[in-house]
Amino acid sequence: MRIKQLAKIFKSQHGRLYICAVAITRNRQAAEDAVHDAVIAVAQTSSDIKDLKAYLFSTVRNKAKYACVKNSKQQSNLEGILLCDDTTQQQIFSSQLFQQLEKLLPEQQETIIMKIFGGLTFKEIALATNQPLNTVASWYRRGLQTLKEKINEQ
């Protein structure tokens, strides 16, 4: 029964799981590996899991963090990982945005990426990071405020 639930969650959330992993690893391959390793680990666990979706996000996050420790060769350029084709004007703005995003605290970066690019709710981010909802909302709010200040300075 868990495998069917897990497959359903993976099918509907695979993009969000990937964004969650990319926010941490900053490496496409490592993010893909973290997601796959997490799905396998969750499928094989014998623990009683109350919220399978939250548990899966938390496992992806842990696998991604482990991948960072294991593989010190990370891509540090979020722009190259998360952006797709844009107009020239959008590319310029996006480039500036990503340069400033790189300067935020890791918790703020991760939260903003999961919220904006992954489309996760604050509750989902809180469950994935094992942090209180108010802390996640605070990281997001402070991170956006810092980004706004830095971009306005330019």
Protein backbone atom coordinates (compact mmCIF):
# COMPACT_ATOMS: atom_id res chain seq x y z
CA MET A 1 0.00 0.00 0.00
CA ARG A 2 2.83 2.41 0.84
CA ILE A 3 4.41 1.85 -2.59
CA LYS A 4 1.20 2.94 -4.34
CA GLN A 5 0.94 6.04 -2.14
CA LEU A 6 4.61 6.78 -2.70
CA ALA A 7 4.23 6.41 -6.47
CA LYS A 8 1.25 8.78 -6.45
CA ILE A 9 3.14 11.36 -4.40
CA PHE A 10 6.23 11.05 -6.57
CA LYS A 11 4.20 11.46 -9.76
CA SER A 12 2.54 14.65 -8.51
CA GLN A 13 5.54 16.10 -6.64
CA HIS A 14 8.65 15.04 -8.58
CA GLY A 15 9.33 18.58 -9.81
CA ARG A 16 9.07 20.00 -6.32
CA LEU A 17 11.25 17.26 -4.90
CA TYR A 18 13.88 18.03 -7.53
CA ILE A 19 13.77 21.79 -6.80
CA CYS A 20 14.16 21.03 -3.11
CA ALA A 21 17.27 18.97 -3.85
CA VAL A 22 18.70 21.53 -6.31
CA ALA A 23 18.29 24.27 -3.72
CA ILE A 24 20.69 22.35 -1.51
CA THR A 25 23.09 20.60 -3.89
CA ARG A 26 23.28 23.21 -6.64
CA ASN A 27 24.04 20.35 -8.93
CA ARG A 28 21.53 18.76 -11.30
CA GLN A 29 22.92 15.24 -11.18
CA ALA A 30 23.35 15.26 -7.41
CA ALA A 31 19.77 16.55 -7.05
CA GLU A 32 18.39 13.80 -9.27
CA ASP A 33 20.38 11.20 -7.33
CA ALA A 34 19.14 12.59 -4.01
CA VAL A 35 15.51 12.34 -5.15
CA HIS A 36 15.95 8.78 -6.40
CA ASP A 37 17.85 7.70 -3.28
CA ALA A 38 15.14 9.24 -1.10
CA VAL A 39 12.31 7.46 -2.90
CA ILE A 40 14.11 4.13 -2.53
CA ALA A 41 14.87 4.78 1.14
CA VAL A 42 11.26 5.70 1.91
CA ALA A 43 9.99 2.65 0.02
CA GLN A 44 12.30 0.38 2.00
CA THR A 45 11.74 1.83 5.47
CA SER A 46 9.75 -0.22 7.92
CA SER A 47 8.84 2.78 10.08
CA ASP A 48 5.24 3.81 10.54
CA ILE A 49 4.97 7.10 8.64
CA LYS A 50 2.09 9.46 9.42
CA ASP A 51 2.64 12.00 6.62
CA LEU A 52 4.31 10.25 3.70
CA LYS A 53 4.65 13.41 1.59
CA ALA A 54 6.38 15.36 4.36
CA TYR A 55 8.57 12.37 5.14
CA LEU A 56 9.59 12.11 1.49
CA PHE A 57 10.49 15.82 1.29
CA SER A 58 12.48 15.53 4.51
CA THR A 59 14.30 12.47 3.18
CA VAL A 60 15.12 14.26 -0.10
CA ARG A 61 16.50 17.17 1.89
CA ASN A 62 18.65 14.85 4.01
CA LYS A 63 19.93 12.94 0.97
CA ALA A 64 20.78 16.24 -0.75
CA LYS A 65 22.67 17.48 2.30
CA TYR A 66 24.56 14.19 2.44
CA ALA A 67 25.41 14.54 -1.26
CA CYS A 68 26.94 17.95 -0.52
CA VAL A 69 29.14 16.50 2.18
CA LYS A 70 30.12 13.55 0.00
CA ASN A 71 30.75 15.59 -3.14
CA SER A 72 32.53 18.87 -2.57
CA LYS A 73 32.38 19.70 -6.30
CA GLN A 74 29.15 21.67 -6.37
CA GLN A 75 27.90 24.05 -8.99
CA SER A 76 27.62 27.33 -7.18
CA ASN A 77 25.72 29.04 -9.95
CA LEU A 78 22.00 28.74 -9.22
CA GLU A 79 21.22 30.76 -12.31
CA GLY A 80 22.52 28.09 -14.66
CA ILE A 81 20.55 25.38 -12.90
CA LEU A 82 17.16 27.01 -12.42
CA LEU A 83 16.75 29.31 -15.41
CA CYS A 84 15.33 28.39 -18.75
CA ASP A 85 14.92 30.46 -21.92
CA ASP A 86 13.96 34.07 -21.23
CA THR A 87 13.99 37.30 -23.15
CA THR A 88 17.19 39.38 -22.94
CA GLN A 89 15.67 41.83 -20.47
CA GLN A 90 14.44 39.00 -18.26
CA GLN A 91 17.85 37.35 -18.45
CA ILE A 92 19.56 40.52 -17.22
CA PHE A 93 17.15 40.89 -14.31
CA SER A 94 17.32 37.17 -13.51
CA SER A 95 21.11 37.27 -13.55
CA GLN A 96 21.13 40.15 -11.07
CA LEU A 97 18.57 38.37 -8.92
CA PHE A 98 20.58 35.16 -8.80
CA GLN A 99 23.79 37.03 -8.00
CA GLN A 100 22.07 38.52 -4.96
CA LEU A 101 20.36 35.24 -4.06
CA GLU A 102 23.81 33.64 -3.77
CA LYS A 103 24.64 36.13 -1.00
CA LEU A 104 21.72 35.17 1.25
CA LEU A 105 21.96 32.80 4.19
CA PRO A 106 21.61 29.16 3.10
CA GLU A 107 18.27 28.81 4.91
CA GLN A 108 16.90 31.86 3.13
CA GLN A 109 18.17 30.65 -0.27
CA GLU A 110 16.67 27.22 0.21
CA THR A 111 13.31 28.60 1.37
CA ILE A 112 13.02 31.12 -1.46
CA ILE A 113 13.95 28.54 -4.08
CA MET A 114 11.51 25.97 -2.73
CA LYS A 115 8.73 28.57 -2.47
CA ILE A 116 9.19 30.43 -5.77
CA PHE A 117 10.69 27.82 -8.09
CA GLY A 118 9.28 24.71 -6.45
CA GLY A 119 5.87 26.12 -5.62
CA LEU A 120 5.92 24.61 -2.13
CA THR A 121 3.76 26.09 0.60
CA PHE A 122 5.31 27.30 3.84
CA LYS A 123 3.80 24.27 5.55
CA GLU A 124 5.45 21.91 3.04
CA ILE A 125 8.78 23.70 3.44
CA ALA A 126 8.47 23.54 7.23
CA LEU A 127 7.79 19.81 7.06
CA ALA A 128 10.69 19.24 4.64
CA THR A 129 13.16 21.25 6.72
CA ASN A 130 11.80 20.10 10.08
CA GLN A 131 11.48 23.72 11.17
CA PRO A 132 8.56 25.64 12.65
CA LEU A 133 6.23 27.28 10.13
CA ASN A 134 6.96 30.76 11.54
CA THR A 135 10.71 30.22 11.14
CA VAL A 136 10.29 29.27 7.48
CA ALA A 137 8.03 32.27 6.85
CA SER A 138 10.59 34.49 8.58
CA TRP A 139 13.45 33.14 6.45
CA TYR A 140 11.39 33.82 3.33
CA ARG A 141 10.34 37.32 4.38
CA ARG A 142 13.84 38.37 5.49
CA GLY A 143 15.42 36.84 2.40
CA LEU A 144 13.04 38.70 0.08
CA GLN A 145 13.61 41.94 1.99
CA THR A 146 17.38 41.54 1.65
CA LEU A 147 17.04 40.78 -2.07
CA LYS A 148 14.85 43.84 -2.55
CA GLU A 149 17.37 46.08 -0.76
CA LYS A 150 20.34 44.69 -2.69
CA ILE A 151 18.62 45.03 -6.08
CA ASN A 152 17.47 48.58 -5.27
CA GLU A 153 21.07 49.48 -4.41
CA GLN A 154 22.15 48.61 -7.94
